[in-house]
PDB file of N, CA and C in Angstrom:
ATOM      1  N   MET A   1       2.211  12.212  -8.373  1.00  0.00           N
ATOM      2  CA  MET A   1       2.464  11.577  -9.294  1.00  0.00           C
ATOM      3  C   MET A   1       2.631  10.199  -9.192  1.00  0.00           C
ATOM      4  N   LEU A   2       2.519   9.214 -10.156  1.00  0.00           N
ATOM      5  CA  LEU A   2       2.345   7.788 -10.339  1.00  0.00           C
ATOM      6  C   LEU A   2       3.587   7.106  -9.156  1.00  0.00           C
ATOM      7  N   ILE A   3       4.352   7.400 -10.156  1.00  0.00           N
ATOM      8  CA  ILE A   3       5.574   6.902  -9.462  1.00  0.00           C
ATOM      9  C   ILE A   3       5.404   7.099  -7.795  1.00  0.00           C
ATOM     10  N   ARG A   4       5.428   8.303  -7.326  1.00  0.00           N
ATOM     11  CA  ARG A   4       5.424   8.387  -5.982  1.00  0.00           C
ATOM     12  C   ARG A   4       4.831   7.630  -5.147  1.00  0.00           C
ATOM     13  N   ARG A   5       3.229   7.488  -5.700  1.00  0.00           N
ATOM     14  CA  ARG A   5       2.321   6.599  -5.118  1.00  0.00           C
ATOM     15  C   ARG A   5       2.734   5.217  -4.928  1.00  0.00           C
ATOM     16  N   ILE A   6       3.231   4.682  -6.149  1.00  0.00           N
ATOM     17  CA  ILE A   6       4.217   3.384  -6.150  1.00  0.00           C
ATOM     18  C   ILE A   6       5.160   3.232  -5.320  1.00  0.00           C
ATOM     19  N   GLU A   7       5.777   4.258  -5.467  1.00  0.00           N
ATOM     20  CA  GLU A   7       7.245   3.637  -4.331  1.00  0.00           C
ATOM     21  C   GLU A   7       6.646   3.821  -2.898  1.00  0.00           C
ATOM     22  N   LYS A   8       5.789   4.470  -2.415  1.00  0.00           N
ATOM     23  CA  LYS A   8       4.990   4.495  -1.396  1.00  0.00           C
ATOM     24  C   LYS A   8       4.608   3.119  -1.334  1.00  0.00           C
ATOM     25  N   PHE A   9       3.477   2.482  -2.000  1.00  0.00           N
ATOM     26  CA  PHE A   9       2.868   1.509  -1.957  1.00  0.00           C
ATOM     27  C   PHE A   9       3.912   0.362  -1.913  1.00  0.00           C
ATOM     28  N   LEU A  10       4.619   0.501  -2.955  1.00  0.00           N
ATOM     29  CA  LEU A  10       5.877  -0.795  -2.517  1.00  0.00           C
ATOM     30  C   LEU A  10       6.463  -0.918  -1.210  1.00  0.00           C
ATOM     31  N   ARG A  11       6.900   0.259  -0.663  1.00  0.00           N
ATOM     32  CA  ARG A  11       7.360   0.655   1.014  1.00  0.00           C
ATOM     33  C   ARG A  11       6.674   0.030   1.536  1.00  0.00           C
ATOM     34  N   GLU A  12       5.475   0.239   1.842  1.00  0.00           N
ATOM     35  CA  GLU A  12       4.553   0.128   2.834  1.00  0.00           C
ATOM     36  C   GLU A  12       4.008  -1.504   2.482  1.00  0.00           C
ATOM     37  N   HIS A  13       3.852  -2.191   1.594  1.00  0.00           N
ATOM     38  CA  HIS A  13       3.859  -3.500   1.259  1.00  0.00           C
ATOM     39  C   HIS A  13       4.722  -4.498   1.473  1.00  0.00           C
ATOM     40  N   ASP A  14       6.137  -3.565   1.223  1.00  0.00           N
ATOM     41  CA  ASP A  14       7.531  -4.729   1.316  1.00  0.00           C
ATOM     42  C   ASP A  14       7.331  -5.277  -0.113  1.00  0.00           C
ATOM     43  N   MET A  15       7.031  -4.736  -1.405  1.00  0.00           N
ATOM     44  CA  MET A  15       6.910  -5.380  -2.420  1.00  0.00           C
ATOM     45  C   MET A  15       7.819  -5.141  -3.343  1.00  0.00           C
ATOM     46  N   PRO A  16       8.106  -6.034  -4.042  1.00  0.00           N
ATOM     47  CA  PRO A  16       9.443  -5.790  -5.200  1.00  0.00           C
ATOM     48  C   PRO A  16       8.588  -5.029  -6.215  1.00  0.00           C
ATOM     49  N   ALA A  17       9.492  -4.544  -7.162  1.00  0.00           N
ATOM     50  CA  ALA A  17       8.953  -3.391  -8.233  1.00  0.00           C
ATOM     51  C   ALA A  17       8.306  -4.198  -9.015  1.00  0.00           C
ATOM     52  N   THR A  18       9.275  -5.696  -9.923  1.00  0.00           N
ATOM     53  CA  THR A  18       8.757  -6.587 -10.493  1.00  0.00           C
ATOM     54  C   THR A  18       7.541  -7.266 -10.098  1.00  0.00           C
ATOM     55  N   LYS A  19       7.211  -7.602  -9.091  1.00  0.00           N
ATOM     56  CA  LYS A  19       6.204  -8.481  -8.223  1.00  0.00           C
ATOM     57  C   LYS A  19       4.806  -7.097  -8.975  1.00  0.00           C
ATOM     58  N   PHE A  20       5.025  -6.058  -8.366  1.00  0.00           N
ATOM     59  CA  PHE A  20       4.112  -5.173  -8.474  1.00  0.00           C
ATOM     60  C   PHE A  20       3.609  -4.458 -10.456  1.00  0.00           C
ATOM     61  N   GLY A  21       4.830  -4.713 -10.808  1.00  0.00           N
ATOM     62  CA  GLY A  21       4.133  -4.557 -12.536  1.00  0.00           C
ATOM     63  C   GLY A  21       3.835  -5.729 -13.007  1.00  0.00           C
ATOM     64  N   ARG A  22       3.955  -7.172 -12.524  1.00  0.00           N
ATOM     65  CA  ARG A  22       3.198  -8.130 -13.370  1.00  0.00           C
ATOM     66  C   ARG A  22       1.961  -8.342 -12.443  1.00  0.00           C
ATOM     67  N   LEU A  23       1.852  -7.987 -11.482  1.00  0.00           N
ATOM     68  CA  LEU A  23       0.469  -7.705 -10.857  1.00  0.00           C
ATOM     69  C   LEU A  23      -0.683  -6.583 -11.245  1.00  0.00           C
ATOM     70  N   ALA A  24      -0.064  -5.565 -11.559  1.00  0.00           N
ATOM     71  CA  ALA A  24      -1.274  -4.369 -11.884  1.00  0.00           C
ATOM     72  C   ALA A  24      -0.818  -4.385 -13.199  1.00  0.00           C
ATOM     73  N   THR A  25      -0.077  -4.581 -14.019  1.00  0.00           N
ATOM     74  CA  THR A  25       0.265  -4.183 -15.458  1.00  0.00           C
ATOM     75  C   THR A  25       0.264  -5.446 -16.289  1.00  0.00           C
ATOM     76  N   HIS A  26       0.853  -6.355 -15.698  1.00  0.00           N
ATOM     77  CA  HIS A  26       1.172  -7.651 -16.908  1.00  0.00           C
ATOM     78  C   HIS A  26       2.610  -7.343 -17.526  1.00  0.00           C
ATOM     79  N   ASP A  27       3.516  -6.434 -16.432  1.00  0.00           N
ATOM     80  CA  ASP A  27       4.524  -6.054 -17.255  1.00  0.00           C
ATOM     81  C   ASP A  27       5.737  -5.700 -16.250  1.00  0.00           C
ATOM     82  N   PRO A  28       6.121  -6.699 -15.942  1.00  0.00           N
ATOM     83  CA  PRO A  28       7.096  -6.963 -14.680  1.00  0.00           C
ATOM     84  C   PRO A  28       8.188  -5.672 -14.550  1.00  0.00           C
ATOM     85  N   ARG A  29       8.571  -4.771 -16.143  1.00  0.00           N
ATOM     86  CA  ARG A  29       9.851  -3.711 -16.300  1.00  0.00           C
ATOM     87  C   ARG A  29       8.727  -2.171 -15.657  1.00  0.00           C
ATOM     88  N   PHE A  30       7.420  -2.344 -15.839  1.00  0.00           N
ATOM     89  CA  PHE A  30       6.564  -1.183 -14.932  1.00  0.00           C
ATOM     90  C   PHE A  30       7.329   0.023 -14.493  1.00  0.00           C
ATOM     91  N   VAL A  31       7.288  -0.623 -13.120  1.00  0.00           N
ATOM     92  CA  VAL A  31       7.961   0.725 -12.241  1.00  0.00           C
ATOM     93  C   VAL A  31       9.406   1.085 -12.801  1.00  0.00           C
ATOM     94  N   LEU A  32      10.221  -0.014 -13.141  1.00  0.00           N
ATOM     95  CA  LEU A  32      11.897   0.399 -13.395  1.00  0.00           C
ATOM     96  C   LEU A  32      11.275   1.401 -14.568  1.00  0.00           C
ATOM     97  N   ASP A  33      10.603   1.421 -15.801  1.00  0.00           N
ATOM     98  CA  ASP A  33      10.521   2.190 -17.161  1.00  0.00           C
ATOM     99  C   ASP A  33       9.620   3.369 -16.563  1.00  0.00           C
ATOM    100  N   LEU A  34       8.944   3.465 -15.495  1.00  0.00           N
ATOM    101  CA  LEU A  34       8.459   4.918 -14.699  1.00  0.00           C
ATOM    102  C   LEU A  34       9.579   5.358 -14.187  1.00  0.00           C
ATOM    103  N   ARG A  35      10.478   4.898 -13.418  1.00  0.00           N
ATOM    104  CA  ARG A  35      11.587   5.741 -13.093  1.00  0.00           C
ATOM    105  C   ARG A  35      12.509   6.132 -13.491  1.00  0.00           C
ATOM    106  N   ASN A  36      12.583   5.493 -14.991  1.00  0.00           N
ATOM    107  CA  ASN A  36      13.341   5.742 -16.079  1.00  0.00           C
ATOM    108  C   ASN A  36      13.113   6.744 -17.003  1.00  0.00           C
ATOM    109  N   GLY A  37      11.411   7.704 -16.331  1.00  0.00           N
ATOM    110  CA  GLY A  37      10.515   8.514 -17.290  1.00  0.00           C
ATOM    111  C   GLY A  37       9.408   8.029 -18.000  1.00  0.00           C
ATOM    112  N   ARG A  38       9.041   6.936 -18.186  1.00  0.00           N
ATOM    113  CA  ARG A  38       7.939   6.560 -18.986  1.00  0.00           C
ATOM    114  C   ARG A  38       6.688   7.073 -18.321  1.00  0.00           C
ATOM    115  N   THR A  39       6.051   7.692 -19.391  1.00  0.00           N
ATOM    116  CA  THR A  39       4.750   8.171 -19.008  1.00  0.00           C
ATOM    117  C   THR A  39       3.758   7.506 -19.385  1.00  0.00           C
ATOM    118  N   PRO A  40       2.675   7.063 -18.046  1.00  0.00           N
ATOM    119  CA  PRO A  40       1.834   6.021 -18.468  1.00  0.00           C
ATOM    120  C   PRO A  40       0.388   6.777 -19.201  1.00  0.00           C
ATOM    121  N   ARG A  41      -0.265   5.699 -19.975  1.00  0.00           N
ATOM    122  CA  ARG A  41      -2.004   6.235 -20.579  1.00  0.00           C
ATOM    123  C   ARG A  41      -2.532   7.015 -19.488  1.00  0.00           C
ATOM    124  N   THR A  42      -3.266   7.256 -19.491  1.00  0.00           N
ATOM    125  CA  THR A  42      -4.696   7.668 -18.311  1.00  0.00           C
ATOM    126  C   THR A  42      -4.861   6.344 -18.130  1.00  0.00           C
ATOM    127  N   ASP A  43      -5.391   5.517 -18.635  1.00  0.00           N
ATOM    128  CA  ASP A  43      -6.191   4.344 -18.286  1.00  0.00           C
ATOM    129  C   ASP A  43      -5.350   3.556 -17.459  1.00  0.00           C
ATOM    130  N   THR A  44      -4.092   3.289 -17.919  1.00  0.00           N
ATOM    131  CA  THR A  44      -3.400   2.560 -17.453  1.00  0.00           C
ATOM    132  C   THR A  44      -2.907   3.135 -16.022  1.00  0.00           C
ATOM    133  N   GLU A  45      -2.790   4.232 -15.472  1.00  0.00           N
ATOM    134  CA  GLU A  45      -2.518   5.070 -14.466  1.00  0.00           C
ATOM    135  C   GLU A  45      -3.936   4.377 -13.628  1.00  0.00           C
ATOM    136  N   ARG A  46      -5.048   4.782 -14.226  1.00  0.00           N
ATOM    137  CA  ARG A  46      -6.093   4.608 -13.640  1.00  0.00           C
ATOM    138  C   ARG A  46      -6.681   2.783 -13.419  1.00  0.00           C
ATOM    139  N   ARG A  47      -5.944   2.433 -13.769  1.00  0.00           N
ATOM    140  CA  ARG A  47      -5.528   0.646 -13.776  1.00  0.00           C
ATOM    141  C   ARG A  47      -4.863   0.444 -12.440  1.00  0.00           C
ATOM    142  N   VAL A  48      -3.647   1.157 -12.319  1.00  0.00           N
ATOM    143  CA  VAL A  48      -2.582   1.052 -11.585  1.00  0.00           C
ATOM    144  C   VAL A  48      -3.362   1.362 -10.169  1.00  0.00           C
ATOM    145  N   ASP A  49      -3.789   2.501  -9.954  1.00  0.00           N
ATOM    146  CA  ASP A  49      -4.513   2.809  -8.815  1.00  0.00           C
ATOM    147  C   ASP A  49      -5.913   2.233  -8.089  1.00  0.00           C
ATOM    148  N   GLY A  50      -6.518   1.543  -9.257  1.00  0.00           N
ATOM    149  CA  GLY A  50      -7.273   0.632  -8.766  1.00  0.00           C
ATOM    150  C   GLY A  50      -6.736  -0.463  -8.143  1.00  0.00           C
ATOM    151  N   PHE A  51      -5.457  -0.719  -8.676  1.00  0.00           N
ATOM    152  CA  PHE A  51      -4.955  -1.799  -7.916  1.00  0.00           C
ATOM    153  C   PHE A  51      -4.309  -2.192  -6.804  1.00  0.00           C
ATOM    154  N   MET A  52      -3.814  -0.827  -6.554  1.00  0.00           N
ATOM    155  CA  MET A  52      -3.459  -0.527  -5.508  1.00  0.00           C
ATOM    156  C   MET A  52      -4.390  -0.232  -4.222  1.00  0.00           C
ATOM    157  N   ARG A  53      -5.420   0.395  -4.872  1.00  0.00           N
ATOM    158  CA  ARG A  53      -6.387   0.384  -3.562  1.00  0.00           C
ATOM    159  C   ARG A  53      -7.072  -0.687  -3.309  1.00  0.00           C
ATOM    160  N   SER A  54      -7.236  -1.535  -4.348  1.00  0.00           N
ATOM    161  CA  SER A  54      -8.470  -2.897  -3.994  1.00  0.00           C
ATOM    162  C   SER A  54      -7.121  -3.934  -3.273  1.00  0.00           C
ATOM    163  N   TYR A  55      -5.612  -3.600  -3.876  1.00  0.00           N
ATOM    164  CA  TYR A  55      -4.720  -4.686  -2.917  1.00  0.00           C
ATOM    165  C   TYR A  55      -4.714  -4.457  -1.199  1.00  0.00           C
ATOM    166  N   GLY A  56      -4.943  -3.023  -0.795  1.00  0.00           N
ATOM    167  CA  GLY A  56      -4.517  -2.544   0.302  1.00  0.00           C
ATOM    168  C   GLY A  56      -6.169  -3.215   0.979  1.00  0.00           C
ATOM    169  N   GLU A  57      -7.341  -3.048   0.427  1.00  0.00           N
ATOM    170  CA  GLU A  57      -8.323  -3.048   0.753  1.00  0.00           C
ATOM    171  C   GLU A  57      -8.605  -4.625   1.081  1.00  0.00           C
ATOM    172  N   MET A  58      -7.799  -5.763   0.238  1.00  0.00           N
ATOM    173  CA  MET A  58      -7.797  -7.042   0.426  1.00  0.00           C
ATOM    174  C   MET A  58      -7.073  -7.420   1.562  1.00  0.00           C
ATOM    175  N   ARG A  59      -6.165  -6.924   1.781  1.00  0.00           N
ATOM    176  CA  ARG A  59      -5.020  -7.210   2.895  1.00  0.00           C
ATOM    177  C   ARG A  59      -5.511  -6.885   4.286  1.00  0.00           C
ATOM    178  N   HIS A  60      -6.244  -5.241   4.565  1.00  0.00           N
ATOM    179  CA  HIS A  60      -6.910  -5.100   5.506  1.00  0.00           C
ATOM    180  C   HIS A  60      -7.891  -6.164   6.001  1.00  0.00           C
ATOM    181  N   ALA A  61      -8.333  -6.672   4.684  1.00  0.00           N
ATOM    182  CA  ALA A  61     -10.102  -7.401   5.007  1.00  0.00           C
ATOM    183  C   ALA A  61      -9.703  -9.014   5.643  1.00  0.00           C
ATOM    184  N   GLY A  62      -8.309  -9.317   4.751  1.00  0.00           N
ATOM    185  CA  GLY A  62      -7.861 -10.880   5.227  1.00  0.00           C
ATOM    186  C   GLY A  62      -7.088 -10.920   5.994  1.00  0.00           C
TER     187      GLY A  62
END
């Protein structure tokens, strides 16, 4: 489930939900909306997963 992966990412990177939303989807309410039951489209979910993957890689490389 996407929201669980995002919540784990937020804890691991000590990132506020609004910052995550802005960076991953250009929507600061994205995580809040997911917490309230929003279901993202498949392409949005793929984009968010890609963001989390690349963000982690950037942090480990730099």
